[in-house]
Amino acid sequence: MPDEKQEEKKEEKKEEQPAEDSKNELEKLQKEKDEYLNGWKRAKADFINYQKDETKRFEEMVNYSREMVIGDLVSVLDSFELALRAEPNNDGLQRIKIQLEDSLKKYGLEKIKVSPGDPLDTNIHESIGEIEVKDMESGKIAAEVSSGYKLKNKVIRPARVKLSK
């Protein structure tokens, strides 16, 4: 009889063994699935970050190019201002200058406003000299020599001014 009980126990162990093996195999496969899923999620997140970085880089390139072109066109505006100083009544020049300014405003170009008596702001003004001015505090803006411009709140050229002595 002891042999029969031992035989029964062996049979039970054989039946339990496949169930335990299956359980271990299932756990192993679950861990493997989780590793693959986490790897896929990381790869997806990396790709999304890559897309954002590339979009940002592309926008920076476009803004840099725009800044370069508009910076060159600011020189053309200066030429129009000089021409209009020489011929203030030339209506054709005035209209072309206004048309160019309006076109550049669409892309974010903004003229820096300067008035005599304003304090010097080195972020938007460049002092190129001093002049004697009666009834004005020393160190204040006395005259604007050339216009300054901002492109979407970034100074692309400071206003050149002369200060009072």
N, C-alpha and C. Protein backbone atom coordinates (compact mmCIF):
# COMPACT_ATOMS: atom_id res chain seq x y z
N MET A 1 0.79 -1.20 0.00
CA MET A 1 0.00 0.00 0.00
C MET A 1 0.83 1.26 0.00
N PRO A 2 1.97 1.21 0.67
CA PRO A 2 2.78 2.42 0.60
C PRO A 2 3.18 2.71 -0.83
N ASP A 3 3.35 1.68 -1.61
CA ASP A 3 3.71 1.91 -3.01
C ASP A 3 2.58 2.60 -3.78
N GLU A 4 1.36 2.24 -3.42
CA GLU A 4 0.22 2.85 -4.11
C GLU A 4 0.13 4.34 -3.80
N LYS A 5 0.38 4.71 -2.53
CA LYS A 5 0.32 6.12 -2.15
C LYS A 5 1.44 6.90 -2.83
N GLN A 6 2.59 6.30 -2.90
CA GLN A 6 3.73 6.96 -3.56
C GLN A 6 3.42 7.16 -5.05
N GLU A 7 2.82 6.15 -5.62
CA GLU A 7 2.44 6.23 -7.04
C GLU A 7 1.42 7.34 -7.26
N GLU A 8 0.46 7.46 -6.35
CA GLU A 8 -0.56 8.49 -6.47
C GLU A 8 0.07 9.88 -6.35
N LYS A 9 1.01 10.03 -5.42
CA LYS A 9 1.69 11.32 -5.24
C LYS A 9 2.49 11.68 -6.48
N LYS A 10 3.15 10.69 -7.07
CA LYS A 10 3.90 10.93 -8.29
C LYS A 10 2.97 11.38 -9.42
N GLU A 11 1.83 10.74 -9.49
CA GLU A 11 0.85 11.09 -10.52
C GLU A 11 0.35 12.52 -10.31
N GLU A 12 0.09 12.90 -9.04
CA GLU A 12 -0.38 14.26 -8.74
C GLU A 12 0.68 15.29 -9.10
N LYS A 13 1.94 14.95 -8.78
CA LYS A 13 3.04 15.86 -9.08
C LYS A 13 3.18 16.04 -10.59
N LYS A 14 2.99 14.95 -11.34
CA LYS A 14 3.07 15.04 -12.79
C LYS A 14 1.97 15.94 -13.34
N GLU A 15 0.79 15.85 -12.73
CA GLU A 15 -0.32 16.69 -13.16
C GLU A 15 -0.09 18.15 -12.76
N GLU A 16 0.50 18.41 -11.58
CA GLU A 16 0.78 19.75 -11.11
C GLU A 16 1.91 20.39 -11.90
N GLN A 17 2.87 19.59 -12.31
CA GLN A 17 4.05 20.10 -13.03
C GLN A 17 3.67 20.83 -14.32
N PRO A 18 2.84 20.25 -15.19
CA PRO A 18 2.48 20.98 -16.39
C PRO A 18 1.73 22.27 -16.09
N ALA A 19 0.89 22.26 -15.06
CA ALA A 19 0.16 23.48 -14.70
C ALA A 19 1.14 24.54 -14.22
N GLU A 20 2.13 24.15 -13.43
CA GLU A 20 3.13 25.10 -12.94
C GLU A 20 4.01 25.59 -14.08
N ASP A 21 4.39 24.69 -14.97
CA ASP A 21 5.18 25.08 -16.14
C ASP A 21 4.41 26.08 -16.99
N SER A 22 3.13 25.81 -17.16
CA SER A 22 2.29 26.73 -17.95
C SER A 22 2.20 28.10 -17.28
N LYS A 23 2.09 28.10 -15.97
CA LYS A 23 2.03 29.36 -15.22
C LYS A 23 3.33 30.14 -15.38
N ASN A 24 4.47 29.45 -15.26
CA ASN A 24 5.78 30.10 -15.43
C ASN A 24 5.95 30.63 -16.85
N GLU A 25 5.51 29.83 -17.81
CA GLU A 25 5.60 30.24 -19.21
C GLU A 25 4.73 31.47 -19.46
N LEU A 26 3.53 31.48 -18.86
CA LEU A 26 2.62 32.62 -19.01
C LEU A 26 3.23 33.88 -18.40
N GLU A 27 3.84 33.77 -17.23
CA GLU A 27 4.50 34.92 -16.59
C GLU A 27 5.66 35.42 -17.45
N LYS A 28 6.42 34.50 -17.98
CA LYS A 28 7.54 34.86 -18.84
C LYS A 28 7.05 35.61 -20.08
N LEU A 29 6.00 35.09 -20.69
CA LEU A 29 5.45 35.73 -21.88
C LEU A 29 4.83 37.09 -21.55
N GLN A 30 4.24 37.21 -20.37
CA GLN A 30 3.65 38.49 -19.93
C GLN A 30 4.76 39.54 -19.78
N LYS A 31 5.88 39.15 -19.15
CA LYS A 31 7.01 40.07 -18.98
C LYS A 31 7.58 40.48 -20.34
N GLU A 32 7.69 39.53 -21.23
CA GLU A 32 8.21 39.80 -22.57
C GLU A 32 7.28 40.76 -23.32
N LYS A 33 5.98 40.53 -23.17
CA LYS A 33 4.98 41.41 -23.81
C LYS A 33 5.11 42.83 -23.26
N ASP A 34 5.25 42.94 -21.93
CA ASP A 34 5.40 44.26 -21.30
C ASP A 34 6.66 44.97 -21.78
N GLU A 35 7.76 44.23 -21.93
CA GLU A 35 9.01 44.82 -22.43
C GLU A 35 8.82 45.34 -23.85
N TYR A 36 8.18 44.55 -24.70
CA TYR A 36 7.93 44.99 -26.08
C TYR A 36 7.01 46.20 -26.11
N LEU A 37 5.97 46.18 -25.28
CA LEU A 37 5.02 47.29 -25.25
C LEU A 37 5.71 48.57 -24.77
N ASN A 38 6.51 48.45 -23.71
CA ASN A 38 7.23 49.63 -23.20
C ASN A 38 8.23 50.14 -24.23
N GLY A 39 8.90 49.25 -24.91
CA GLY A 39 9.83 49.67 -25.97
C GLY A 39 9.11 50.39 -27.09
N TRP A 40 7.95 49.88 -27.46
CA TRP A 40 7.16 50.53 -28.51
C TRP A 40 6.70 51.90 -28.06
N LYS A 41 6.26 52.02 -26.80
CA LYS A 41 5.82 53.32 -26.27
C LYS A 41 6.97 54.32 -26.26
N ARG A 42 8.17 53.86 -25.86
CA ARG A 42 9.34 54.76 -25.87
C ARG A 42 9.68 55.20 -27.28
N ALA A 43 9.63 54.26 -28.22
CA ALA A 43 9.93 54.60 -29.62
C ALA A 43 8.91 55.60 -30.16
N LYS A 44 7.66 55.41 -29.81
CA LYS A 44 6.61 56.33 -30.25
C LYS A 44 6.84 57.72 -29.66
N ALA A 45 7.16 57.78 -28.36
CA ALA A 45 7.43 59.07 -27.71
C ALA A 45 8.66 59.73 -28.32
N ASP A 46 9.69 58.96 -28.60
CA ASP A 46 10.89 59.50 -29.24
C ASP A 46 10.56 60.08 -30.61
N PHE A 47 9.72 59.40 -31.36
CA PHE A 47 9.35 59.88 -32.69
C PHE A 47 8.53 61.16 -32.59
N ILE A 48 7.62 61.24 -31.63
CA ILE A 48 6.83 62.46 -31.44
C ILE A 48 7.75 63.62 -31.08
N ASN A 49 8.71 63.38 -30.19
CA ASN A 49 9.67 64.43 -29.81
C ASN A 49 10.51 64.83 -31.02
N TYR A 50 10.90 63.87 -31.83
CA TYR A 50 11.66 64.16 -33.04
C TYR A 50 10.84 65.06 -33.97
N GLN A 51 9.57 64.74 -34.14
CA GLN A 51 8.72 65.57 -35.01
C GLN A 51 8.63 66.99 -34.47
N LYS A 52 8.46 67.15 -33.16
CA LYS A 52 8.38 68.49 -32.56
C LYS A 52 9.69 69.24 -32.77
N ASP A 53 10.81 68.56 -32.56
CA ASP A 53 12.12 69.20 -32.75
C ASP A 53 12.32 69.64 -34.20
N GLU A 54 11.93 68.80 -35.14
CA GLU A 54 12.08 69.14 -36.55
C GLU A 54 11.17 70.30 -36.94
N THR A 55 9.95 70.33 -36.41
CA THR A 55 9.03 71.43 -36.68
C THR A 55 9.61 72.73 -36.15
N LYS A 56 10.14 72.67 -34.94
CA LYS A 56 10.75 73.86 -34.33
C LYS A 56 11.96 74.33 -35.15
N ARG A 57 12.79 73.39 -35.57
CA ARG A 57 13.97 73.72 -36.36
C ARG A 57 13.56 74.35 -37.69
N PHE A 58 12.53 73.81 -38.32
CA PHE A 58 12.04 74.35 -39.59
C PHE A 58 11.52 75.77 -39.39
N GLU A 59 10.76 76.00 -38.32
CA GLU A 59 10.24 77.34 -38.04
C GLU A 59 11.38 78.33 -37.80
N GLU A 60 12.43 77.88 -37.11
CA GLU A 60 13.59 78.75 -36.86
C GLU A 60 14.28 79.11 -38.17
N MET A 61 14.39 78.13 -39.08
CA MET A 61 15.01 78.40 -40.38
C MET A 61 14.18 79.40 -41.18
N VAL A 62 12.87 79.24 -41.16
CA VAL A 62 11.98 80.17 -41.88
C VAL A 62 12.10 81.56 -41.28
N ASN A 63 12.09 81.66 -39.95
CA ASN A 63 12.21 82.97 -39.30
C ASN A 63 13.55 83.61 -39.60
N TYR A 64 14.62 82.83 -39.60
CA TYR A 64 15.94 83.36 -39.90
C TYR A 64 15.98 83.89 -41.34
N SER A 65 15.43 83.12 -42.27
CA SER A 65 15.40 83.55 -43.67
C SER A 65 14.58 84.82 -43.83
N ARG A 66 13.44 84.85 -43.17
CA ARG A 66 12.57 86.03 -43.23
C ARG A 66 13.31 87.25 -42.68
N GLU A 67 14.00 87.04 -41.57
CA GLU A 67 14.75 88.12 -40.94
C GLU A 67 15.83 88.66 -41.88
N MET A 68 16.51 87.77 -42.58
CA MET A 68 17.56 88.18 -43.51
C MET A 68 16.98 89.01 -44.66
N VAL A 69 15.91 88.53 -45.25
CA VAL A 69 15.30 89.23 -46.39
C VAL A 69 14.74 90.57 -45.95
N ILE A 70 14.02 90.57 -44.85
CA ILE A 70 13.42 91.83 -44.38
C ILE A 70 14.51 92.80 -43.95
N GLY A 71 15.59 92.29 -43.37
CA GLY A 71 16.72 93.15 -43.02
C GLY A 71 17.29 93.85 -44.24
N ASP A 72 17.37 93.14 -45.36
CA ASP A 72 17.84 93.75 -46.61
C ASP A 72 16.85 94.79 -47.11
N LEU A 73 15.57 94.52 -46.97
CA LEU A 73 14.55 95.47 -47.44
C LEU A 73 14.48 96.73 -46.58
N VAL A 74 14.93 96.64 -45.34
CA VAL A 74 14.99 97.82 -44.48
C VAL A 74 15.95 98.85 -45.08
N SER A 75 17.00 98.38 -45.71
CA SER A 75 17.93 99.30 -46.38
C SER A 75 17.24 100.03 -47.53
N VAL A 76 16.33 99.33 -48.21
CA VAL A 76 15.56 99.96 -49.28
C VAL A 76 14.66 101.04 -48.70
N LEU A 77 14.06 100.78 -47.53
CA LEU A 77 13.25 101.81 -46.87
C LEU A 77 14.09 103.03 -46.53
N ASP A 78 15.32 102.79 -46.09
CA ASP A 78 16.23 103.91 -45.80
C ASP A 78 16.47 104.75 -47.06
N SER A 79 16.65 104.08 -48.18
CA SER A 79 16.87 104.79 -49.44
C SER A 79 15.66 105.64 -49.81
N PHE A 80 14.48 105.10 -49.58
CA PHE A 80 13.26 105.88 -49.84
C PHE A 80 13.19 107.10 -48.93
N GLU A 81 13.56 106.94 -47.67
CA GLU A 81 13.55 108.09 -46.75
C GLU A 81 14.54 109.17 -47.20
N LEU A 82 15.73 108.74 -47.63
CA LEU A 82 16.71 109.72 -48.13
C LEU A 82 16.19 110.42 -49.38
N ALA A 83 15.59 109.66 -50.27
CA ALA A 83 15.05 110.25 -51.51
C ALA A 83 13.93 111.23 -51.18
N LEU A 84 13.10 110.89 -50.22
CA LEU A 84 11.99 111.79 -49.86
C LEU A 84 12.48 113.03 -49.12
N ARG A 85 13.62 112.95 -48.45
CA ARG A 85 14.19 114.16 -47.84
C ARG A 85 14.68 115.12 -48.92
N ALA A 86 15.22 114.52 -50.01
CA ALA A 86 15.70 115.34 -51.11
C ALA A 86 14.54 115.90 -51.93
N GLU A 87 13.48 115.11 -52.10
CA GLU A 87 12.29 115.52 -52.86
C GLU A 87 11.04 115.22 -52.05
N PRO A 88 10.73 116.06 -51.08
CA PRO A 88 9.61 115.77 -50.19
C PRO A 88 8.24 115.77 -50.88
N ASN A 89 8.13 116.39 -52.02
CA ASN A 89 6.83 116.47 -52.70
C ASN A 89 6.64 115.39 -53.76
N ASN A 90 7.53 114.41 -53.82
CA ASN A 90 7.41 113.37 -54.82
C ASN A 90 6.39 112.33 -54.35
N ASP A 91 5.19 112.47 -54.90
CA ASP A 91 4.08 111.62 -54.48
C ASP A 91 4.31 110.15 -54.86
N GLY A 92 4.96 109.89 -55.99
CA GLY A 92 5.22 108.52 -56.43
C GLY A 92 6.13 107.78 -55.47
N LEU A 93 7.22 108.45 -55.05
CA LEU A 93 8.13 107.84 -54.09
C LEU A 93 7.43 107.56 -52.75
N GLN A 94 6.62 108.51 -52.35
CA GLN A 94 5.89 108.37 -51.08
C GLN A 94 4.96 107.16 -51.12
N ARG A 95 4.26 106.98 -52.23
CA ARG A 95 3.32 105.86 -52.36
C ARG A 95 4.06 104.51 -52.37
N ILE A 96 5.18 104.46 -53.08
CA ILE A 96 5.95 103.21 -53.13
C ILE A 96 6.49 102.86 -51.75
N LYS A 97 6.98 103.87 -51.03
CA LYS A 97 7.49 103.65 -49.68
C LYS A 97 6.39 103.12 -48.76
N ILE A 98 5.22 103.72 -48.82
CA ILE A 98 4.09 103.28 -48.00
C ILE A 98 3.68 101.85 -48.36
N GLN A 99 3.67 101.55 -49.65
CA GLN A 99 3.31 100.20 -50.09
C GLN A 99 4.31 99.17 -49.56
N LEU A 100 5.59 99.50 -49.63
CA LEU A 100 6.62 98.59 -49.11
C LEU A 100 6.48 98.42 -47.60
N GLU A 101 6.26 99.52 -46.89
CA GLU A 101 6.08 99.44 -45.43
C GLU A 101 4.87 98.58 -45.07
N ASP A 102 3.77 98.75 -45.80
CA ASP A 102 2.56 97.94 -45.53
C ASP A 102 2.82 96.46 -45.79
N SER A 103 3.54 96.17 -46.85
CA SER A 103 3.86 94.76 -47.15
C SER A 103 4.72 94.15 -46.05
N LEU A 104 5.70 94.90 -45.57
CA LEU A 104 6.58 94.39 -44.53
C LEU A 104 5.87 94.26 -43.17
N LYS A 105 4.87 95.12 -42.93
CA LYS A 105 4.10 95.02 -41.69
C LYS A 105 3.34 93.70 -41.63
N LYS A 106 2.92 93.19 -42.77
CA LYS A 106 2.21 91.90 -42.81
C LYS A 106 3.07 90.77 -42.26
N TYR A 107 4.39 90.91 -42.40
CA TYR A 107 5.32 89.89 -41.92
C TYR A 107 5.87 90.19 -40.53
N GLY A 108 5.33 91.24 -39.89
CA GLY A 108 5.70 91.53 -38.51
C GLY A 108 6.72 92.64 -38.33
N LEU A 109 7.07 93.37 -39.39
CA LEU A 109 8.02 94.47 -39.24
C LEU A 109 7.33 95.66 -38.60
N GLU A 110 8.01 96.24 -37.63
CA GLU A 110 7.45 97.37 -36.90
C GLU A 110 8.55 98.41 -36.72
N LYS A 111 8.22 99.65 -37.00
CA LYS A 111 9.19 100.73 -36.83
C LYS A 111 9.27 101.09 -35.35
N ILE A 112 10.49 101.32 -34.87
CA ILE A 112 10.68 101.73 -33.48
C ILE A 112 10.38 103.23 -33.39
N LYS A 113 9.46 103.56 -32.51
CA LYS A 113 9.06 104.97 -32.36
C LYS A 113 10.07 105.71 -31.49
N VAL A 114 10.51 106.84 -31.98
CA VAL A 114 11.48 107.67 -31.27
C VAL A 114 10.99 109.10 -31.29
N SER A 115 11.01 109.72 -30.10
CA SER A 115 10.59 111.12 -29.99
C SER A 115 11.66 111.90 -29.24
N PRO A 116 11.90 113.15 -29.63
CA PRO A 116 12.86 113.97 -28.88
C PRO A 116 12.42 114.07 -27.41
N GLY A 117 13.38 113.92 -26.53
CA GLY A 117 13.11 113.99 -25.10
C GLY A 117 12.94 112.62 -24.46
N ASP A 118 12.82 111.57 -25.27
CA ASP A 118 12.70 110.21 -24.72
C ASP A 118 14.02 109.81 -24.07
N PRO A 119 13.96 108.99 -23.04
CA PRO A 119 15.21 108.47 -22.47
C PRO A 119 15.83 107.43 -23.41
N LEU A 120 17.14 107.30 -23.34
CA LEU A 120 17.84 106.31 -24.16
C LEU A 120 17.57 104.92 -23.62
N ASP A 121 17.13 104.02 -24.48
CA ASP A 121 16.94 102.61 -24.12
C ASP A 121 17.89 101.82 -25.01
N THR A 122 18.95 101.31 -24.42
CA THR A 122 19.99 100.64 -25.21
C THR A 122 19.51 99.35 -25.86
N ASN A 123 18.34 98.88 -25.49
CA ASN A 123 17.78 97.70 -26.13
C ASN A 123 17.23 98.01 -27.52
N ILE A 124 16.80 99.26 -27.72
CA ILE A 124 16.20 99.63 -29.00
C ILE A 124 16.85 100.86 -29.65
N HIS A 125 17.74 101.52 -28.93
CA HIS A 125 18.41 102.72 -29.47
C HIS A 125 19.92 102.51 -29.51
N GLU A 126 20.54 103.17 -30.48
CA GLU A 126 22.00 103.20 -30.56
C GLU A 126 22.42 104.66 -30.63
N SER A 127 23.18 105.10 -29.63
CA SER A 127 23.63 106.48 -29.60
C SER A 127 24.86 106.63 -30.49
N ILE A 128 24.79 107.59 -31.43
CA ILE A 128 25.92 107.79 -32.33
C ILE A 128 26.56 109.18 -32.18
N GLY A 129 26.12 109.90 -31.16
CA GLY A 129 26.72 111.20 -30.93
C GLY A 129 25.87 112.05 -30.01
N GLU A 130 26.39 113.27 -29.77
CA GLU A 130 25.68 114.22 -28.92
C GLU A 130 25.59 115.56 -29.64
N ILE A 131 24.52 116.28 -29.36
CA ILE A 131 24.35 117.63 -29.91
C ILE A 131 23.83 118.54 -28.80
N GLU A 132 24.11 119.83 -28.98
CA GLU A 132 23.63 120.84 -28.03
C GLU A 132 22.16 121.13 -28.32
N VAL A 133 21.34 121.02 -27.31
CA VAL A 133 19.90 121.32 -27.45
C VAL A 133 19.49 122.14 -26.23
N LYS A 134 18.88 123.30 -26.52
CA LYS A 134 18.40 124.15 -25.43
C LYS A 134 17.14 123.54 -24.83
N ASP A 135 16.96 123.76 -23.58
CA ASP A 135 15.76 123.32 -22.87
C ASP A 135 15.54 121.81 -22.91
N MET A 136 16.62 121.03 -22.94
CA MET A 136 16.48 119.57 -22.89
C MET A 136 17.50 119.02 -21.91
N GLU A 137 17.04 118.10 -21.10
CA GLU A 137 17.89 117.45 -20.12
C GLU A 137 18.99 116.67 -20.82
N SER A 138 20.18 116.68 -20.25
CA SER A 138 21.31 115.96 -20.82
C SER A 138 21.06 114.45 -20.81
N GLY A 139 21.46 113.79 -21.90
CA GLY A 139 21.31 112.34 -21.99
C GLY A 139 20.00 111.87 -22.59
N LYS A 140 19.13 112.81 -22.92
CA LYS A 140 17.85 112.46 -23.57
C LYS A 140 18.04 112.43 -25.07
N ILE A 141 17.15 111.74 -25.76
CA ILE A 141 17.23 111.68 -27.22
C ILE A 141 16.88 113.05 -27.79
N ALA A 142 17.79 113.58 -28.61
CA ALA A 142 17.59 114.89 -29.23
C ALA A 142 17.11 114.74 -30.67
N ALA A 143 17.65 113.75 -31.38
CA ALA A 143 17.27 113.58 -32.79
C ALA A 143 17.46 112.12 -33.21
N GLU A 144 16.62 111.72 -34.16
CA GLU A 144 16.75 110.39 -34.74
C GLU A 144 17.53 110.53 -36.05
N VAL A 145 18.61 109.79 -36.17
CA VAL A 145 19.44 109.83 -37.37
C VAL A 145 18.93 108.83 -38.40
N SER A 146 18.63 107.61 -37.96
CA SER A 146 18.02 106.62 -38.86
C SER A 146 17.05 105.74 -38.07
N SER A 147 16.04 105.31 -38.75
CA SER A 147 14.97 104.53 -38.10
C SER A 147 15.48 103.17 -37.67
N GLY A 148 14.86 102.69 -36.61
CA GLY A 148 15.12 101.33 -36.13
C GLY A 148 13.89 100.48 -36.38
N TYR A 149 14.09 99.16 -36.42
CA TYR A 149 12.98 98.26 -36.73
C TYR A 149 13.02 97.03 -35.85
N LYS A 150 11.82 96.52 -35.56
CA LYS A 150 11.63 95.26 -34.86
C LYS A 150 10.91 94.30 -35.80
N LEU A 151 11.26 93.04 -35.71
CA LEU A 151 10.56 92.00 -36.45
C LEU A 151 10.00 91.03 -35.42
N LYS A 152 8.68 91.08 -35.26
CA LYS A 152 7.99 90.25 -34.26
C LYS A 152 8.66 90.41 -32.89
N ASN A 153 8.78 91.66 -32.45
CA ASN A 153 9.33 92.04 -31.15
C ASN A 153 10.82 91.76 -30.97
N LYS A 154 11.52 91.41 -32.04
CA LYS A 154 12.96 91.24 -31.98
C LYS A 154 13.59 92.40 -32.75
N VAL A 155 14.49 93.11 -32.11
CA VAL A 155 15.14 94.26 -32.76
C VAL A 155 16.07 93.73 -33.84
N ILE A 156 15.79 94.13 -35.10
CA ILE A 156 16.70 93.73 -36.17
C ILE A 156 17.66 94.86 -36.51
N ARG A 157 17.26 96.08 -36.14
CA ARG A 157 18.18 97.21 -36.25
C ARG A 157 17.73 98.28 -35.26
N PRO A 158 18.63 98.68 -34.35
CA PRO A 158 18.24 99.72 -33.39
C PRO A 158 18.12 101.08 -34.07
N ALA A 159 17.30 101.93 -33.49
CA ALA A 159 17.18 103.30 -33.99
C ALA A 159 18.47 104.04 -33.63
N ARG A 160 19.07 104.70 -34.60
CA ARG A 160 20.30 105.47 -34.36
C ARG A 160 19.90 106.89 -33.99
N VAL A 161 20.37 107.30 -32.84
CA VAL A 161 19.96 108.60 -32.30
C VAL A 161 21.14 109.42 -31.82
N LYS A 162 20.89 110.72 -31.71
CA LYS A 162 21.87 111.63 -31.10
C LYS A 162 21.25 112.11 -29.79
N LEU A 163 22.11 112.19 -28.77
CA LEU A 163 21.65 112.58 -27.45
C LEU A 163 21.97 114.06 -27.20
N SER A 164 21.20 114.64 -26.28
CA SER A 164 21.47 116.03 -25.90
C SER A 164 22.62 116.08 -24.91
N LYS A 165 23.40 117.17 -25.03
CA LYS A 165 24.54 117.37 -24.09
C LYS A 165 24.05 118.04 -22.84
